[in-house]
PDB file of all heavy atoms in Angstrom:
ATOM      1  N   ASP A   1       7.936 -24.047   6.292  1.00  0.00           N
ATOM      2  CA  ASP A   1       9.190 -23.396   6.921  1.00  0.00           C
ATOM      3  C   ASP A   1       9.558 -22.055   6.343  1.00  0.00           C
ATOM      4  O   ASP A   1      10.685 -21.653   6.737  1.00  0.00           O
ATOM      5  CB  ASP A   1      10.309 -24.505   6.595  1.00  0.00           C
ATOM      6  CG  ASP A   1      10.557 -24.735   5.139  1.00  0.00           C
ATOM      7  OD1 ASP A   1       9.666 -24.362   4.256  1.00  0.00           O
ATOM      8  OD2 ASP A   1      11.662 -25.305   4.612  1.00  0.00           O
ATOM      9  N   VAL A   2       8.591 -21.339   5.704  1.00  0.00           N
ATOM     10  CA  VAL A   2       8.826 -20.074   5.283  1.00  0.00           C
ATOM     11  C   VAL A   2       7.886 -19.092   6.145  1.00  0.00           C
ATOM     12  O   VAL A   2       6.707 -19.474   6.359  1.00  0.00           O
ATOM     13  CB  VAL A   2       8.594 -19.906   3.798  1.00  0.00           C
ATOM     14  CG1 VAL A   2       8.645 -18.431   3.407  1.00  0.00           C
ATOM     15  CG2 VAL A   2       9.572 -20.789   3.077  1.00  0.00           C
ATOM     16  N   HIS A   3       8.318 -18.006   6.641  1.00  0.00           N
ATOM     17  CA  HIS A   3       7.523 -17.113   7.343  1.00  0.00           C
ATOM     18  C   HIS A   3       6.891 -16.112   6.420  1.00  0.00           C
ATOM     19  O   HIS A   3       7.591 -15.343   5.744  1.00  0.00           O
ATOM     20  CB  HIS A   3       8.349 -16.333   8.430  1.00  0.00           C
ATOM     21  CG  HIS A   3       9.173 -17.280   9.349  1.00  0.00           C
ATOM     22  ND1 HIS A   3       8.607 -17.994  10.389  1.00  0.00           N
ATOM     23  CD2 HIS A   3      10.473 -17.595   9.283  1.00  0.00           C
ATOM     24  CE1 HIS A   3       9.490 -18.789  10.893  1.00  0.00           C
ATOM     25  NE2 HIS A   3      10.714 -18.530  10.232  1.00  0.00           N
ATOM     26  N   LEU A   4       5.529 -16.048   6.386  1.00  0.00           N
ATOM     27  CA  LEU A   4       4.768 -15.270   5.550  1.00  0.00           C
ATOM     28  C   LEU A   4       4.091 -14.134   6.294  1.00  0.00           C
ATOM     29  O   LEU A   4       3.332 -14.455   7.250  1.00  0.00           O
ATOM     30  CB  LEU A   4       3.797 -16.049   4.795  1.00  0.00           C
ATOM     31  CG  LEU A   4       4.459 -17.244   4.000  1.00  0.00           C
ATOM     32  CD1 LEU A   4       3.183 -18.172   3.453  1.00  0.00           C
ATOM     33  CD2 LEU A   4       5.168 -16.659   2.803  1.00  0.00           C
ATOM     34  N   TRP A   5       4.311 -12.924   6.021  1.00  0.00           N
ATOM     35  CA  TRP A   5       3.774 -11.811   6.726  1.00  0.00           C
ATOM     36  C   TRP A   5       2.858 -10.978   5.860  1.00  0.00           C
ATOM     37  O   TRP A   5       3.314 -10.765   4.566  1.00  0.00           O
ATOM     38  CB  TRP A   5       4.897 -10.889   7.259  1.00  0.00           C
ATOM     39  CG  TRP A   5       5.998 -11.476   8.012  1.00  0.00           C
ATOM     40  CD1 TRP A   5       6.364 -12.770   8.236  1.00  0.00           C
ATOM     41  CD2 TRP A   5       6.732 -10.800   9.028  1.00  0.00           C
ATOM     42  NE1 TRP A   5       7.436 -12.898   9.052  1.00  0.00           N
ATOM     43  CE2 TRP A   5       7.645 -11.667   9.638  1.00  0.00           C
ATOM     44  CE3 TRP A   5       6.857  -9.380   9.351  1.00  0.00           C
ATOM     45  CZ2 TRP A   5       8.688 -11.261  10.490  1.00  0.00           C
ATOM     46  CZ3 TRP A   5       7.760  -8.956  10.330  1.00  0.00           C
ATOM     47  CH2 TRP A   5       8.641  -9.869  10.814  1.00  0.00           C
ATOM     48  N   ALA A   6       1.845 -10.515   6.356  1.00  0.00           N
ATOM     49  CA  ALA A   6       0.928  -9.625   5.556  1.00  0.00           C
ATOM     50  C   ALA A   6       0.756  -8.346   6.429  1.00  0.00           C
ATOM     51  O   ALA A   6       0.434  -8.438   7.599  1.00  0.00           O
ATOM     52  CB  ALA A   6      -0.353 -10.270   5.251  1.00  0.00           C
ATOM     53  N   CYS A   7       0.895  -7.211   5.746  1.00  0.00           N
ATOM     54  CA  CYS A   7       0.737  -5.917   6.458  1.00  0.00           C
ATOM     55  C   CYS A   7      -0.195  -5.052   5.692  1.00  0.00           C
ATOM     56  O   CYS A   7       0.062  -4.737   4.573  1.00  0.00           O
ATOM     57  CB  CYS A   7       2.058  -5.199   6.625  1.00  0.00           C
ATOM     58  SG  CYS A   7       3.313  -6.109   7.526  1.00  0.00           S
ATOM     59  N   PRO A   8      -1.234  -4.605   6.371  1.00  0.00           N
ATOM     60  CA  PRO A   8      -2.251  -3.766   5.541  1.00  0.00           C
ATOM     61  C   PRO A   8      -1.901  -2.273   5.596  1.00  0.00           C
ATOM     62  O   PRO A   8      -2.640  -1.451   5.997  1.00  0.00           O
ATOM     63  CB  PRO A   8      -3.593  -3.988   6.397  1.00  0.00           C
ATOM     64  CG  PRO A   8      -3.072  -4.088   7.838  1.00  0.00           C
ATOM     65  CD  PRO A   8      -1.729  -4.854   7.701  1.00  0.00           C
ATOM     66  N   LEU A   9      -0.638  -1.995   5.072  1.00  0.00           N
ATOM     67  CA  LEU A   9      -0.147  -0.746   5.163  1.00  0.00           C
ATOM     68  C   LEU A   9       0.458  -0.331   3.881  1.00  0.00           C
ATOM     69  O   LEU A   9       1.003  -1.071   3.050  1.00  0.00           O
ATOM     70  CB  LEU A   9       1.021  -0.574   6.200  1.00  0.00           C
ATOM     71  CG  LEU A   9       0.850  -1.035   7.631  1.00  0.00           C
ATOM     72  CD1 LEU A   9       2.033  -1.226   8.335  1.00  0.00           C
ATOM     73  CD2 LEU A   9      -0.182  -0.021   8.280  1.00  0.00           C
ATOM     74  N   ALA A  10       0.493   1.071   3.621  1.00  0.00           N
ATOM     75  CA  ALA A  10       1.218   1.600   2.524  1.00  0.00           C
ATOM     76  C   ALA A  10       2.658   1.765   2.809  1.00  0.00           C
ATOM     77  O   ALA A  10       3.004   2.222   3.935  1.00  0.00           O
ATOM     78  CB  ALA A  10       0.671   2.981   2.133  1.00  0.00           C
ATOM     79  N   VAL A  11       3.549   1.403   1.836  1.00  0.00           N
ATOM     80  CA  VAL A  11       5.030   1.606   2.054  1.00  0.00           C
ATOM     81  C   VAL A  11       5.370   2.685   1.141  1.00  0.00           C
ATOM     82  O   VAL A  11       4.893   2.868   0.012  1.00  0.00           O
ATOM     83  CB  VAL A  11       5.717   0.320   1.635  1.00  0.00           C
ATOM     84  CG1 VAL A  11       7.274   0.427   1.792  1.00  0.00           C
ATOM     85  CG2 VAL A  11       5.368  -0.911   2.556  1.00  0.00           C
ATOM     86  N   GLY A  12       6.266   3.533   1.666  1.00  0.00           N
ATOM     87  CA  GLY A  12       6.651   4.710   0.858  1.00  0.00           C
ATOM     88  C   GLY A  12       7.947   5.434   1.528  1.00  0.00           C
ATOM     89  O   GLY A  12       8.717   4.672   2.116  1.00  0.00           O
ATOM     90  N   ASN A  13       7.953   6.717   1.452  1.00  0.00           N
ATOM     91  CA  ASN A  13       9.040   7.432   2.012  1.00  0.00           C
ATOM     92  C   ASN A  13       8.781   8.204   3.282  1.00  0.00           C
ATOM     93  O   ASN A  13       9.396   9.002   3.787  1.00  0.00           O
ATOM     94  CB  ASN A  13       9.556   8.489   0.979  1.00  0.00           C
ATOM     95  CG  ASN A  13       8.525   9.489   0.656  1.00  0.00           C
ATOM     96  OD1 ASN A  13       7.369   9.456   1.172  1.00  0.00           O
ATOM     97  ND2 ASN A  13       8.728  10.241  -0.423  1.00  0.00           N
ATOM     98  N   GLY A  14       7.638   7.733   3.945  1.00  0.00           N
ATOM     99  CA  GLY A  14       7.185   8.285   5.231  1.00  0.00           C
ATOM    100  C   GLY A  14       6.130   9.337   5.167  1.00  0.00           C
ATOM    101  O   GLY A  14       5.452   9.723   6.141  1.00  0.00           O
ATOM    102  N   SER A  15       5.898   9.811   3.917  1.00  0.00           N
ATOM    103  CA  SER A  15       4.744  10.784   3.683  1.00  0.00           C
ATOM    104  C   SER A  15       3.447  10.040   3.384  1.00  0.00           C
ATOM    105  O   SER A  15       3.425   8.811   3.188  1.00  0.00           O
ATOM    106  CB  SER A  15       5.109  11.785   2.581  1.00  0.00           C
ATOM    107  OG  SER A  15       5.221  11.059   1.328  1.00  0.00           O
ATOM    108  N   ARG A  16       2.375  10.811   3.310  1.00  0.00           N
ATOM    109  CA  ARG A  16       1.065  10.300   3.064  1.00  0.00           C
ATOM    110  C   ARG A  16       1.035   9.668   1.650  1.00  0.00           C
ATOM    111  O   ARG A  16       1.601  10.347   0.698  1.00  0.00           O
ATOM    112  CB  ARG A  16      -0.037  11.347   3.279  1.00  0.00           C
ATOM    113  CG  ARG A  16      -1.410  10.688   3.224  1.00  0.00           C
ATOM    114  CD  ARG A  16      -2.450  11.741   3.553  1.00  0.00           C
ATOM    115  NE  ARG A  16      -2.094  12.783   4.337  1.00  0.00           N
ATOM    116  CZ  ARG A  16      -2.184  14.049   4.048  1.00  0.00           C
ATOM    117  NH1 ARG A  16      -2.818  14.460   2.913  1.00  0.00           N
ATOM    118  NH2 ARG A  16      -1.736  15.095   4.812  1.00  0.00           N
ATOM    119  N   ILE A  17       0.390   8.550   1.452  1.00  0.00           N
ATOM    120  CA  ILE A  17       0.273   7.967   0.167  1.00  0.00           C
ATOM    121  C   ILE A  17      -1.211   8.152  -0.260  1.00  0.00           C
ATOM    122  O   ILE A  17      -2.116   7.911   0.510  1.00  0.00           O
ATOM    123  CB  ILE A  17       0.649   6.456   0.214  1.00  0.00           C
ATOM    124  CG1 ILE A  17       2.023   6.189   0.525  1.00  0.00           C
ATOM    125  CG2 ILE A  17       0.156   5.780  -1.153  1.00  0.00           C
ATOM    126  CD1 ILE A  17       2.963   6.704  -0.389  1.00  0.00           C
ATOM    127  N   GLU A  18      -1.360   8.631  -1.489  1.00  0.00           N
ATOM    128  CA  GLU A  18      -2.644   8.967  -1.972  1.00  0.00           C
ATOM    129  C   GLU A  18      -3.123   7.849  -2.971  1.00  0.00           C
ATOM    130  O   GLU A  18      -2.192   7.373  -3.815  1.00  0.00           O
ATOM    131  CB  GLU A  18      -2.644  10.235  -2.710  1.00  0.00           C
ATOM    132  CG  GLU A  18      -3.870  10.641  -3.370  1.00  0.00           C
ATOM    133  CD  GLU A  18      -3.763  12.124  -4.015  1.00  0.00           C
ATOM    134  OE1 GLU A  18      -3.224  12.173  -5.154  1.00  0.00           O
ATOM    135  OE2 GLU A  18      -4.074  13.080  -3.354  1.00  0.00           O
ATOM    136  N   LYS A  19      -4.272   7.389  -2.984  1.00  0.00           N
ATOM    137  CA  LYS A  19      -4.859   6.387  -3.818  1.00  0.00           C
ATOM    138  C   LYS A  19      -5.745   7.109  -4.810  1.00  0.00           C
ATOM    139  O   LYS A  19      -6.618   7.753  -4.477  1.00  0.00           O
ATOM    140  CB  LYS A  19      -5.615   5.298  -3.132  1.00  0.00           C
ATOM    141  CG  LYS A  19      -6.244   4.195  -3.881  1.00  0.00           C
ATOM    142  CD  LYS A  19      -6.784   3.056  -3.171  1.00  0.00           C
ATOM    143  CE  LYS A  19      -7.600   3.285  -1.931  1.00  0.00           C
ATOM    144  NZ  LYS A  19      -8.240   2.141  -1.362  1.00  0.00           N
ATOM    145  N   GLN A  20      -5.531   6.849  -6.072  1.00  0.00           N
ATOM    146  CA  GLN A  20      -6.363   7.341  -7.165  1.00  0.00           C
ATOM    147  C   GLN A  20      -6.853   6.190  -8.015  1.00  0.00           C
ATOM    148  O   GLN A  20      -6.095   5.283  -8.444  1.00  0.00           O
ATOM    149  CB  GLN A  20      -5.512   8.329  -7.987  1.00  0.00           C
ATOM    150  CG  GLN A  20      -5.032   9.560  -7.191  1.00  0.00           C
ATOM    151  CD  GLN A  20      -4.186  10.386  -8.003  1.00  0.00           C
ATOM    152  OE1 GLN A  20      -3.490   9.995  -8.963  1.00  0.00           O
ATOM    153  NE2 GLN A  20      -4.253  11.707  -7.743  1.00  0.00           N
ATOM    154  N   TRP A  21      -7.982   6.363  -8.599  1.00  0.00           N
ATOM    155  CA  TRP A  21      -8.630   5.361  -9.447  1.00  0.00           C
ATOM    156  C   TRP A  21      -8.536   5.865 -10.846  1.00  0.00           C
ATOM    157  O   TRP A  21      -8.825   6.951 -11.153  1.00  0.00           O
ATOM    158  CB  TRP A  21     -10.074   5.088  -9.140  1.00  0.00           C
ATOM    159  CG  TRP A  21     -10.205   4.433  -7.875  1.00  0.00           C
ATOM    160  CD1 TRP A  21     -10.433   4.968  -6.540  1.00  0.00           C
ATOM    161  CD2 TRP A  21     -10.024   3.085  -7.567  1.00  0.00           C
ATOM    162  NE1 TRP A  21     -10.483   4.149  -5.600  1.00  0.00           N
ATOM    163  CE2 TRP A  21     -10.167   2.965  -6.132  1.00  0.00           C
ATOM    164  CE3 TRP A  21      -9.755   1.963  -8.265  1.00  0.00           C
ATOM    165  CZ2 TRP A  21     -10.046   1.646  -5.457  1.00  0.00           C
ATOM    166  CZ3 TRP A  21      -9.679   0.701  -7.643  1.00  0.00           C
ATOM    167  CH2 TRP A  21      -9.723   0.640  -6.218  1.00  0.00           C
ATOM    168  N   PRO A  22      -8.003   5.007 -11.769  1.00  0.00           N
ATOM    169  CA  PRO A  22      -7.835   5.451 -13.109  1.00  0.00           C
ATOM    170  C   PRO A  22      -9.220   5.501 -13.802  1.00  0.00           C
ATOM    171  O   PRO A  22     -10.168   4.754 -13.567  1.00  0.00           O
ATOM    172  CB  PRO A  22      -6.999   4.273 -13.788  1.00  0.00           C
ATOM    173  CG  PRO A  22      -7.327   3.085 -12.890  1.00  0.00           C
ATOM    174  CD  PRO A  22      -7.552   3.625 -11.572  1.00  0.00           C
ATOM    175  N   ASP A  23      -9.391   6.477 -14.675  1.00  0.00           N
ATOM    176  CA  ASP A  23     -10.453   6.660 -15.511  1.00  0.00           C
ATOM    177  C   ASP A  23     -11.800   7.089 -14.983  1.00  0.00           C
ATOM    178  O   ASP A  23     -12.562   7.780 -15.636  1.00  0.00           O
ATOM    179  CB  ASP A  23     -10.655   5.431 -16.478  1.00  0.00           C
ATOM    180  CG  ASP A  23      -9.412   5.049 -17.239  1.00  0.00           C
ATOM    181  OD1 ASP A  23      -8.683   5.970 -17.674  1.00  0.00           O
ATOM    182  OD2 ASP A  23      -9.180   3.938 -17.397  1.00  0.00           O
ATOM    183  N   GLU A  24     -12.128   6.550 -13.826  1.00  0.00           N
ATOM    184  CA  GLU A  24     -13.427   6.837 -13.254  1.00  0.00           C
ATOM    185  C   GLU A  24     -13.337   7.047 -11.794  1.00  0.00           C
ATOM    186  O   GLU A  24     -12.480   6.596 -11.112  1.00  0.00           O
ATOM    187  CB  GLU A  24     -14.390   5.608 -13.495  1.00  0.00           C
ATOM    188  CG  GLU A  24     -14.606   5.291 -14.981  1.00  0.00           C
ATOM    189  CD  GLU A  24     -15.633   4.269 -15.160  1.00  0.00           C
ATOM    190  OE1 GLU A  24     -16.555   4.115 -14.350  1.00  0.00           O
ATOM    191  OE2 GLU A  24     -15.478   3.626 -16.252  1.00  0.00           O
ATOM    192  N   ALA A  25     -14.367   7.779 -11.220  1.00  0.00           N
ATOM    193  CA  ALA A  25     -14.342   8.030  -9.861  1.00  0.00           C
ATOM    194  C   ALA A  25     -14.664   6.819  -8.922  1.00  0.00           C
ATOM    195  O   ALA A  25     -14.291   6.673  -7.805  1.00  0.00           O
ATOM    196  CB  ALA A  25     -15.340   9.269  -9.432  1.00  0.00           C
TER     197      ALA A  25
END
């Protein structure tokens, strides 16, 4: 009875979101 939604998106302030990996490339 609960609606579960999944969205493959970045949430932010409308600008591009950058993904960085810690410690190693």
